[in-house]
Amino acid sequence: LFLLLAAVAPLAVAPLEVDPSRMTPEERRAVLERAFPGVFSDARAGDGAEDADGGAKAGAGGVPSIPRGRLGAVGEPRERDRAFERWVREPPSAPYVDDDETSDDVDDRSPFVGSVVLRSVFGRGRGLVTSARVEKGETLMSLPLLKCMSTASARRSKLAPALAELAANATEMTIDAVLALHLLHELHVQGEKSHWWPYVSALPKDVGSPLLWAPKELAQIEGSNLIGFRDAVLRGWMAERDTLFPKLTNAFPETFPEQHFRAANWAWAMSIVWSRAAHVPVAGRTLRRETRTTILALVPLFDMINHGYARGAGGGSRPAFNDAPAVSISFVESRGEVVVSAGDAFGGPGEEIRFNYGEKPSQYVFLQYGFVPRFNPDECVEVAPRMSKKDPLRRRKREVLASHDLSPNNRNFHFYPNRLDRDLLAATRVQVMTEAELDDPLAVASAVAGG
């Protein structure tokens, strides 16, 4: 076969008259287009272009034309993002203002946005970037609570009668579900008439999480325990939806049209809430609300800040000389405002502000936010050590583990590449203890200490 091909090849393939090393990029591209017209044709016309959702446009054959750039490079935002940013700076409008507020009060409650702007960040989508030097502790933005999507804004919206009836019937419902109803109603039912339209229309249609993947995509992570976590999350979301629908559609057909609250839309809305809503600590709590420590809210503009470690440098480590969080957020109850402050100084314009989304392994980051950190100091494998069923001390050991919150039946443990999980060490020590050690209180105390 080789000799046959060697004999035929000179007749079928024209000799190459140009040395590829001396060809210009355009000449090399032309050769590829002639050789593979189904893949490379027309792709050049889309270089650097974006589709309606901000992604790279695909050329013929489905091959995306990826814009050139370096990770983290800052570019200009799209017009839709500019409209959203202008909206953030506007004061809330009815019905999202207090009934007893005058026009002067509304002006006083107008949002404040400091030395930060929304920009396109290569490799990360959108991000928040400094427009001038920022000092440590400086206020980056201050938004009235009713400028954020929360249970407070939901009660002011057209959802109010339905929420009141759900409360009267003692229907169990999470705050995430309230925000999902609020989000879907404003996006699909109110549409462009909605006060929230500049914000909800700018939200991503796909968060990138396996939660929204099709079976063909899920096959790529077959065998991963991420599949089990995904299915458990979706079951919880769908169970909550089933308690609300079709009852809400039957009782309030104009507020909850069936076509806008189907399972696919519900999963999208819940994933948006899970990946973007902030648990905002309450500062200056009154005695009347002393037990409320956080509020859950979608905070416009703040939710555009990308993930990063330390002060947002994203290097994947926590340098000892600078372990400050890039930003802090709180709800100042006395002012009714959500305030975002700089946790560290930023030297000048053009610095992307990033903060740590949480200390969690990459599989959880991927499931919740739709990306995997390049360098994750909290990377680990979850393990659940099991005892042999033939161990005659099995019952006693299980009692010791359960009494110290170390039972593998109720939790997982973490196996880190560079450090020990003390709880994993403690559980393992208990599982290999002898009868004499189990009879010794000091030995048991030493084992469960994990030191």
Protein backbone atom coordinates (compact mmCIF):
# COMPACT_ATOMS: atom_id res chain seq x y z
CA LEU A 1 0.00 0.00 0.00
CA PHE A 2 2.86 2.36 0.82
CA LEU A 3 4.54 1.68 -2.56
CA LEU A 4 1.22 2.20 -4.33
CA LEU A 5 0.68 5.56 -2.62
CA ALA A 6 4.26 6.55 -3.38
CA ALA A 7 3.71 5.77 -7.04
CA VAL A 8 0.39 7.64 -7.26
CA ALA A 9 1.22 10.64 -5.06
CA PRO A 10 3.43 12.50 -7.56
CA LEU A 11 0.56 12.39 -10.06
CA ALA A 12 -2.12 13.49 -7.58
CA VAL A 13 -0.29 16.20 -5.68
CA ALA A 14 1.22 19.20 -7.33
CA PRO A 15 4.75 20.08 -6.21
CA LEU A 16 5.04 22.83 -3.62
CA GLU A 17 6.65 25.78 -5.34
CA VAL A 18 6.93 28.04 -2.27
CA ASP A 19 8.96 27.42 0.88
CA PRO A 20 6.44 27.61 3.81
CA SER A 21 9.07 29.20 6.04
CA ARG A 22 9.22 32.14 3.63
CA MET A 23 5.48 32.55 3.22
CA THR A 24 3.55 35.40 4.80
CA PRO A 25 0.69 34.56 7.22
CA GLU A 26 -1.78 35.50 4.47
CA GLU A 27 -0.14 33.14 1.98
CA ARG A 28 -0.14 30.27 4.50
CA ARG A 29 -3.79 30.95 5.25
CA ALA A 30 -4.62 30.88 1.53
CA VAL A 31 -2.98 27.46 1.19
CA LEU A 32 -5.01 26.12 4.11
CA GLU A 33 -8.24 27.55 2.69
CA ARG A 34 -7.63 25.81 -0.64
CA ALA A 35 -6.74 22.52 1.07
CA PHE A 36 -9.58 22.55 3.64
CA PRO A 37 -12.36 24.76 2.26
CA GLY A 38 -14.97 23.31 4.63
CA VAL A 39 -13.00 24.37 7.68
CA PHE A 40 -11.16 27.59 6.89
CA SER A 41 -13.32 29.29 4.28
CA ASP A 42 -14.95 32.55 5.42
CA ALA A 43 -13.44 32.20 8.91
CA ARG A 44 -11.07 35.08 8.22
CA ALA A 45 -13.99 37.46 7.84
CA GLY A 46 -14.96 36.77 11.43
CA ASP A 47 -11.57 37.36 13.02
CA GLY A 48 -12.01 39.21 16.27
CA ALA A 49 -15.78 39.39 15.84
CA GLU A 50 -18.25 38.44 18.54
CA ASP A 51 -21.72 36.98 18.40
CA ALA A 52 -24.75 38.48 20.14
CA ASP A 53 -23.72 36.97 23.47
CA GLY A 54 -20.14 38.13 23.28
CA GLY A 55 -18.63 34.86 22.08
CA ALA A 56 -16.31 34.42 19.12
CA LYS A 57 -18.14 33.96 15.84
CA ALA A 58 -17.71 30.58 14.19
CA GLY A 59 -16.49 30.24 10.63
CA ALA A 60 -17.55 27.52 8.23
CA GLY A 61 -17.23 24.06 9.68
CA GLY A 62 -18.00 25.34 13.18
CA VAL A 63 -14.41 26.39 13.90
CA PRO A 64 -14.50 29.57 16.05
CA SER A 65 -12.43 32.53 14.99
CA ILE A 66 -10.76 33.47 18.26
CA PRO A 67 -9.71 37.10 18.69
CA ARG A 68 -6.04 37.64 19.31
CA GLY A 69 -4.95 38.87 22.72
CA ARG A 70 -3.42 37.90 26.02
CA LEU A 71 -5.22 36.64 29.11
CA GLY A 72 -6.43 39.59 31.17
CA ALA A 73 -5.98 42.19 28.43
CA VAL A 74 -8.54 44.99 28.85
CA GLY A 75 -10.71 46.10 25.95
CA GLU A 76 -13.70 48.31 25.35
CA PRO A 77 -17.15 47.02 26.37
CA ARG A 78 -20.01 46.41 23.97
CA GLU A 79 -22.85 48.92 23.66
CA ARG A 80 -25.25 46.73 25.65
CA ASP A 81 -22.75 46.71 28.52
CA ARG A 82 -22.41 50.49 28.29
CA ALA A 83 -26.20 50.83 28.55
CA PHE A 84 -26.16 48.55 31.58
CA GLU A 85 -23.44 50.61 33.25
CA ARG A 86 -25.36 53.83 32.63
CA TRP A 87 -28.44 52.23 34.19
CA VAL A 88 -26.50 51.25 37.33
CA ARG A 89 -25.69 54.92 37.92
CA GLU A 90 -29.34 56.02 37.65
CA PRO A 91 -31.57 56.29 40.77
CA PRO A 92 -34.25 53.62 41.26
CA SER A 93 -37.65 54.34 39.76
CA ALA A 94 -41.14 53.43 40.94
CA PRO A 95 -42.09 51.04 42.42
CA TYR A 96 -38.55 50.61 43.73
CA VAL A 97 -38.51 53.72 45.92
CA ASP A 98 -40.06 54.18 49.36
CA ASP A 99 -43.56 55.62 49.27
CA ASP A 100 -42.69 58.44 51.67
CA GLU A 101 -39.57 59.57 49.82
CA THR A 102 -39.51 62.95 48.11
CA SER A 103 -37.53 63.67 44.95
CA ASP A 104 -34.74 65.07 47.11
CA ASP A 105 -34.66 61.82 49.10
CA VAL A 106 -34.38 59.84 45.87
CA ASP A 107 -31.47 62.01 44.76
CA ASP A 108 -29.76 61.32 48.09
CA ARG A 109 -30.27 57.59 47.52
CA SER A 110 -28.85 57.71 43.98
CA PRO A 111 -26.23 55.05 43.30
CA PHE A 112 -22.61 56.01 43.63
CA VAL A 113 -20.00 54.39 41.39
CA GLY A 114 -16.43 55.43 42.04
CA SER A 115 -13.19 54.80 40.16
CA VAL A 116 -14.31 51.59 38.47
CA VAL A 117 -15.64 50.86 34.98
CA LEU A 118 -16.97 47.80 33.19
CA ARG A 119 -14.62 46.50 30.53
CA SER A 120 -14.10 43.51 28.27
CA VAL A 121 -11.32 41.34 29.69
CA PHE A 122 -9.71 38.89 27.28
CA GLY A 123 -10.20 35.30 28.38
CA ARG A 124 -12.60 36.24 31.19
CA GLY A 125 -15.52 37.95 29.46
CA ARG A 126 -16.44 41.11 31.34
CA GLY A 127 -14.75 42.51 34.41
CA LEU A 128 -14.46 45.53 36.67
CA VAL A 129 -11.39 47.70 36.06
CA THR A 130 -10.04 50.75 37.88
CA SER A 131 -10.31 54.10 36.10
CA ALA A 132 -7.92 55.86 38.51
CA ARG A 133 -5.78 55.10 41.54
CA VAL A 134 -7.80 53.49 44.34
CA GLU A 135 -6.84 53.78 48.01
CA LYS A 136 -7.36 51.03 50.55
CA GLY A 137 -10.81 51.40 52.13
CA GLU A 138 -12.10 53.64 49.32
CA THR A 139 -15.77 53.14 48.39
CA LEU A 140 -15.99 51.61 44.92
CA MET A 141 -19.78 51.66 44.72
CA SER A 142 -22.80 52.26 46.91
CA LEU A 143 -26.18 51.08 45.64
CA PRO A 144 -29.61 51.44 47.25
CA LEU A 145 -30.89 47.99 48.21
CA LEU A 146 -33.83 48.45 45.83
CA LYS A 147 -31.32 48.84 43.00
CA CYS A 148 -30.40 45.20 43.66
CA MET A 149 -32.57 42.16 43.00
CA SER A 150 -33.53 40.74 46.38
CA THR A 151 -36.65 39.70 48.28
CA ALA A 152 -37.16 43.42 48.98
CA SER A 153 -37.40 44.29 45.27
CA ALA A 154 -39.47 41.16 44.58
CA ARG A 155 -42.08 42.34 47.10
CA ARG A 156 -42.25 45.70 45.25
CA SER A 157 -42.70 44.04 41.86
CA LYS A 158 -45.75 42.47 40.20
CA LEU A 159 -44.86 39.28 42.07
CA ALA A 160 -46.12 40.81 45.33
CA PRO A 161 -49.65 39.25 45.35
CA ALA A 162 -48.26 35.80 44.55
CA LEU A 163 -45.55 36.04 47.20
CA ALA A 164 -48.15 37.15 49.76
CA GLU A 165 -50.36 34.16 48.95
CA LEU A 166 -47.40 31.75 49.16
CA ALA A 167 -46.55 33.17 52.58
CA ALA A 168 -50.17 32.93 53.73
CA ASN A 169 -50.25 29.28 52.70
CA ALA A 170 -46.93 28.63 54.47
CA THR A 171 -45.40 27.34 51.24
CA GLU A 172 -41.78 26.36 51.81
CA MET A 173 -39.60 28.36 49.44
CA THR A 174 -35.93 29.32 49.41
CA ILE A 175 -34.71 32.85 48.77
CA ASP A 176 -32.94 31.49 45.69
CA ALA A 177 -36.33 30.48 44.30
CA VAL A 178 -37.81 33.94 45.01
CA LEU A 179 -34.93 35.53 43.07
CA ALA A 180 -35.38 33.02 40.24
CA LEU A 181 -39.09 33.92 39.94
CA HIS A 182 -38.17 37.62 40.06
CA LEU A 183 -35.51 37.19 37.37
CA LEU A 184 -37.63 35.17 34.94
CA HIS A 185 -40.61 37.50 35.33
CA GLU A 186 -38.56 40.63 34.62
CA LEU A 187 -36.67 39.05 31.70
CA HIS A 188 -39.45 37.20 29.89
CA VAL A 189 -42.79 38.61 31.06
CA GLN A 190 -41.97 42.30 31.53
CA GLY A 191 -39.22 42.28 28.91
CA GLU A 192 -38.06 45.67 27.66
CA LYS A 193 -40.74 47.38 29.79
CA SER A 194 -39.03 46.14 32.93
CA HIS A 195 -37.14 48.50 35.20
CA TRP A 196 -34.49 45.75 35.32
CA TRP A 197 -34.19 45.23 31.56
CA PRO A 198 -30.68 46.78 31.12
CA TYR A 199 -29.44 44.39 33.82
CA VAL A 200 -31.30 41.15 33.13
CA SER A 201 -30.72 41.40 29.37
CA ALA A 202 -26.97 41.66 30.01
CA LEU A 203 -26.81 38.45 32.04
CA PRO A 204 -25.10 35.48 30.32
CA LYS A 205 -27.37 33.01 28.57
CA ASP A 206 -25.00 30.19 29.52
CA VAL A 207 -22.95 30.21 32.71
CA GLY A 208 -20.75 27.38 31.40
CA SER A 209 -21.61 25.06 34.26
CA PRO A 210 -22.27 21.32 33.76
CA LEU A 211 -25.63 22.05 35.39
CA LEU A 212 -26.89 23.19 31.97
CA TRP A 213 -24.98 20.72 29.80
CA ALA A 214 -26.64 18.36 27.33
CA PRO A 215 -26.01 14.59 27.58
CA LYS A 216 -23.38 14.73 24.79
CA GLU A 217 -21.40 17.31 26.77
CA LEU A 218 -21.82 15.42 30.04
CA ALA A 219 -20.19 12.38 28.42
CA GLN A 220 -16.91 14.31 28.57
CA ILE A 221 -16.87 14.09 32.38
CA GLU A 222 -18.28 10.58 32.66
CA GLY A 223 -16.84 8.82 35.71
CA SER A 224 -16.35 12.06 37.65
CA ASN A 225 -18.21 12.49 40.92
CA LEU A 226 -19.17 15.88 39.52
CA ILE A 227 -22.03 14.09 37.73
CA GLY A 228 -23.53 13.01 41.06
CA PHE A 229 -23.19 16.50 42.55
CA ARG A 230 -24.81 18.01 39.45
CA ASP A 231 -27.74 15.61 39.55
CA ALA A 232 -28.31 16.26 43.26
CA VAL A 233 -28.38 20.05 42.73
CA LEU A 234 -30.78 19.78 39.79
CA ARG A 235 -33.09 17.43 41.71
CA GLY A 236 -33.33 19.99 44.50
CA TRP A 237 -34.06 22.82 42.06
CA MET A 238 -36.70 20.83 40.16
CA ALA A 239 -38.36 19.66 43.38
CA GLU A 240 -38.76 23.29 44.43
CA ARG A 241 -40.15 24.20 41.03
CA ASP A 242 -42.67 21.35 41.30
CA THR A 243 -44.01 22.82 44.55
CA LEU A 244 -44.65 26.15 42.80
CA PHE A 245 -45.89 25.13 39.36
CA PRO A 246 -48.42 24.78 37.88
CA LYS A 247 -50.14 26.26 40.97
CA LEU A 248 -48.69 29.75 40.38
CA THR A 249 -49.58 29.66 36.69
CA ASN A 250 -53.16 28.60 37.48
CA ALA A 251 -53.61 31.28 40.15
CA PHE A 252 -51.70 34.11 38.41
CA PRO A 253 -51.62 33.30 34.66
CA GLU A 254 -50.54 36.78 33.55
CA THR A 255 -47.66 36.92 36.05
CA PHE A 256 -46.41 33.37 35.49
CA PRO A 257 -47.10 32.29 31.89
CA GLU A 258 -46.30 28.58 31.64
CA GLN A 259 -43.94 28.93 28.66
CA HIS A 260 -41.54 31.20 30.58
CA PHE A 261 -41.25 29.07 33.72
CA ARG A 262 -40.50 25.66 32.25
CA ALA A 263 -37.76 23.44 33.64
CA ALA A 264 -35.01 24.69 31.29
CA ASN A 265 -35.65 28.36 32.13
CA TRP A 266 -35.91 27.51 35.82
CA ALA A 267 -32.54 25.73 35.79
CA TRP A 268 -30.97 28.73 34.04
CA ALA A 269 -32.43 31.23 36.53
CA MET A 270 -31.35 29.16 39.54
CA SER A 271 -27.85 28.79 38.10
CA ILE A 272 -27.66 32.58 37.65
CA VAL A 273 -28.67 33.11 41.26
CA TRP A 274 -26.27 30.43 42.52
CA SER A 275 -23.32 31.79 40.56
CA ARG A 276 -23.91 35.55 40.86
CA ALA A 277 -25.96 36.37 43.98
CA ALA A 278 -23.94 37.65 46.94
CA HIS A 279 -24.46 36.81 50.60
CA VAL A 280 -24.11 40.40 51.79
CA PRO A 281 -23.22 40.83 55.49
CA VAL A 282 -25.53 43.21 57.33
CA ALA A 283 -23.68 46.05 59.07
CA GLY A 284 -25.26 48.12 61.83
CA ARG A 285 -28.05 45.66 62.57
CA THR A 286 -30.90 46.86 64.75
CA LEU A 287 -32.06 44.92 67.80
CA ARG A 288 -35.29 44.18 65.98
CA ARG A 289 -33.37 42.26 63.31
CA GLU A 290 -30.44 41.06 65.32
CA THR A 291 -30.68 37.51 64.02
CA ARG A 292 -30.36 38.53 60.34
CA THR A 293 -26.67 38.46 59.52
CA THR A 294 -26.72 38.39 55.69
CA ILE A 295 -29.03 39.16 52.79
CA LEU A 296 -28.95 37.38 49.44
CA ALA A 297 -29.01 39.74 46.49
CA LEU A 298 -28.02 40.09 42.87
CA VAL A 299 -25.90 43.26 43.05
CA PRO A 300 -25.53 44.85 39.59
CA LEU A 301 -21.95 45.65 38.55
CA PHE A 302 -20.53 43.97 41.66
CA ASP A 303 -21.49 40.62 40.12
CA MET A 304 -19.26 41.41 37.13
CA ILE A 305 -16.09 41.13 39.26
CA ASN A 306 -14.06 38.10 38.22
CA HIS A 307 -12.44 35.50 40.45
CA GLY A 308 -8.86 35.81 41.63
CA TYR A 309 -6.64 35.13 44.62
CA ALA A 310 -4.93 37.54 47.04
CA ARG A 311 -5.68 41.11 45.92
CA GLY A 312 -7.06 39.94 42.63
CA ALA A 313 -3.71 39.24 40.97
CA GLY A 314 -4.89 35.74 40.12
CA GLY A 315 -1.47 34.18 40.56
CA GLY A 316 -2.87 31.17 42.33
CA SER A 317 -0.94 31.66 45.54
CA ARG A 318 -1.41 33.78 48.63
CA PRO A 319 1.79 35.78 49.07
CA ALA A 320 2.59 36.59 52.69
CA PHE A 321 3.26 40.24 51.89
CA ASN A 322 -0.20 40.80 50.44
CA ASP A 323 -3.06 38.53 51.42
CA ALA A 324 -5.70 41.26 51.56
CA PRO A 325 -9.08 40.66 49.92
CA ALA A 326 -9.52 42.85 46.86
CA VAL A 327 -12.98 44.06 47.89
CA SER A 328 -15.44 43.84 50.76
CA ILE A 329 -19.23 44.16 50.57
CA SER A 330 -21.81 44.97 53.24
CA PHE A 331 -25.38 46.18 53.62
CA VAL A 332 -25.50 49.33 55.73
CA GLU A 333 -28.99 49.01 57.16
CA SER A 334 -29.15 52.56 58.55
CA ARG A 335 -28.66 53.92 55.01
CA GLY A 336 -30.43 51.13 53.12
CA GLU A 337 -27.40 50.74 50.86
CA VAL A 338 -25.11 47.97 49.66
CA VAL A 339 -21.54 49.28 49.89
CA VAL A 340 -18.50 47.81 48.13
CA SER A 341 -15.08 48.97 49.35
CA ALA A 342 -11.51 48.33 48.26
CA GLY A 343 -9.70 45.97 50.59
CA ASP A 344 -6.36 47.03 49.19
CA ALA A 345 -4.88 49.88 47.14
CA PHE A 346 -4.73 49.73 43.34
CA GLY A 347 -1.90 51.71 41.78
CA GLY A 348 -3.63 53.31 38.85
CA PRO A 349 -6.12 52.99 36.00
CA GLY A 350 -6.46 49.77 34.04
CA GLU A 351 -6.07 47.30 36.93
CA GLU A 352 -8.69 44.56 36.99
CA ILE A 353 -10.36 44.15 40.37
CA ARG A 354 -10.78 40.49 41.26
CA PHE A 355 -11.63 38.67 44.44
CA ASN A 356 -11.71 35.11 45.73
CA TYR A 357 -15.08 33.43 45.13
CA GLY A 358 -14.39 31.04 48.00
CA GLU A 359 -11.97 28.41 49.21
CA LYS A 360 -13.26 25.32 47.44
CA PRO A 361 -11.90 22.57 45.15
CA SER A 362 -12.04 23.09 41.42
CA GLN A 363 -14.93 20.66 40.90
CA TYR A 364 -17.17 22.87 43.02
CA VAL A 365 -15.92 26.05 41.31
CA PHE A 366 -16.69 24.44 37.95
CA LEU A 367 -20.16 23.31 39.01
CA GLN A 368 -21.15 26.66 40.52
CA TYR A 369 -19.37 29.19 38.32
CA GLY A 370 -18.60 27.35 35.09
CA PHE A 371 -14.80 27.60 35.04
CA VAL A 372 -11.76 25.86 36.51
CA PRO A 373 -9.08 28.08 38.14
CA ARG A 374 -5.67 27.83 36.50
CA PHE A 375 -3.97 27.55 39.90
CA ASN A 376 -6.16 26.62 42.84
CA PRO A 377 -4.49 26.58 46.29
CA ASP A 378 -7.57 24.75 47.59
CA GLU A 379 -7.38 21.97 45.03
CA CYS A 380 -8.11 18.57 46.51
CA VAL A 381 -9.76 15.19 46.02
CA GLU A 382 -12.71 14.38 48.25
CA VAL A 383 -12.44 11.02 49.97
CA ALA A 384 -14.56 9.05 52.43
CA PRO A 385 -12.47 6.43 54.29
CA ARG A 386 -14.38 3.25 55.06
CA MET A 387 -13.86 0.66 57.78
CA SER A 388 -13.77 -3.05 57.11
CA LYS A 389 -17.06 -4.77 57.89
CA LYS A 390 -15.03 -7.53 59.51
CA ASP A 391 -13.48 -5.19 62.08
CA PRO A 392 -14.71 -6.45 65.52
CA LEU A 393 -14.37 -2.89 66.89
CA ARG A 394 -16.40 -1.36 64.06
CA ARG A 395 -19.38 -0.31 66.22
CA ARG A 396 -17.23 1.39 68.87
CA LYS A 397 -15.15 3.22 66.28
CA ARG A 398 -18.26 4.44 64.46
CA GLU A 399 -19.60 5.83 67.75
CA VAL A 400 -16.35 7.72 68.36
CA LEU A 401 -16.37 9.12 64.82
CA ALA A 402 -20.03 10.19 65.03
CA SER A 403 -19.58 11.90 68.42
CA HIS A 404 -16.77 14.05 67.00
CA ASP A 405 -18.35 14.89 63.62
CA LEU A 406 -15.89 12.61 61.83
CA SER A 407 -18.29 10.01 60.42
CA PRO A 408 -17.72 9.27 56.70
CA ASN A 409 -21.46 8.58 56.47
CA ASN A 410 -22.25 12.24 57.06
CA ARG A 411 -19.39 14.11 55.39
CA ASN A 412 -16.45 13.94 53.02
CA PHE A 413 -12.79 14.59 53.74
CA HIS A 414 -10.19 16.34 51.62
CA PHE A 415 -6.91 14.96 50.27
CA TYR A 416 -4.68 17.93 49.41
CA PRO A 417 -1.48 17.67 47.37
CA ASN A 418 0.58 19.87 49.68
CA ARG A 419 -1.02 19.73 53.12
CA LEU A 420 -2.97 17.46 55.44
CA ASP A 421 -6.67 17.59 56.22
CA ARG A 422 -6.56 17.22 60.01
CA ASP A 423 -10.06 15.75 60.08
CA LEU A 424 -9.03 13.10 57.56
CA LEU A 425 -5.99 12.29 59.70
CA ALA A 426 -8.17 12.07 62.82
CA ALA A 427 -10.75 9.80 61.16
CA THR A 428 -8.02 7.52 59.84
CA ARG A 429 -6.40 7.27 63.27
CA VAL A 430 -9.69 6.29 64.90
CA GLN A 431 -10.30 3.63 62.27
CA VAL A 432 -6.97 1.86 63.03
CA MET A 433 -7.16 2.10 66.84
CA THR A 434 -6.76 -1.02 68.93
CA GLU A 435 -9.12 -2.04 71.71
CA ALA A 436 -6.65 -0.88 74.34
CA GLU A 437 -6.45 2.56 72.68
CA LEU A 438 -10.24 2.84 72.51
CA ASP A 439 -10.35 2.12 76.26
CA ASP A 440 -7.86 4.94 76.92
CA PRO A 441 -9.56 8.41 76.98
CA LEU A 442 -6.22 10.15 76.40
CA ALA A 443 -5.53 8.02 73.31
CA VAL A 444 -9.00 8.78 71.94
CA ALA A 445 -8.57 12.51 72.61
CA SER A 446 -5.18 12.49 70.88
CA ALA A 447 -6.58 10.65 67.85
CA VAL A 448 -9.59 12.91 67.28
CA ALA A 449 -7.42 16.02 67.68
CA GLY A 450 -5.82 15.22 64.35
CA GLY A 451 -2.55 16.83 65.33
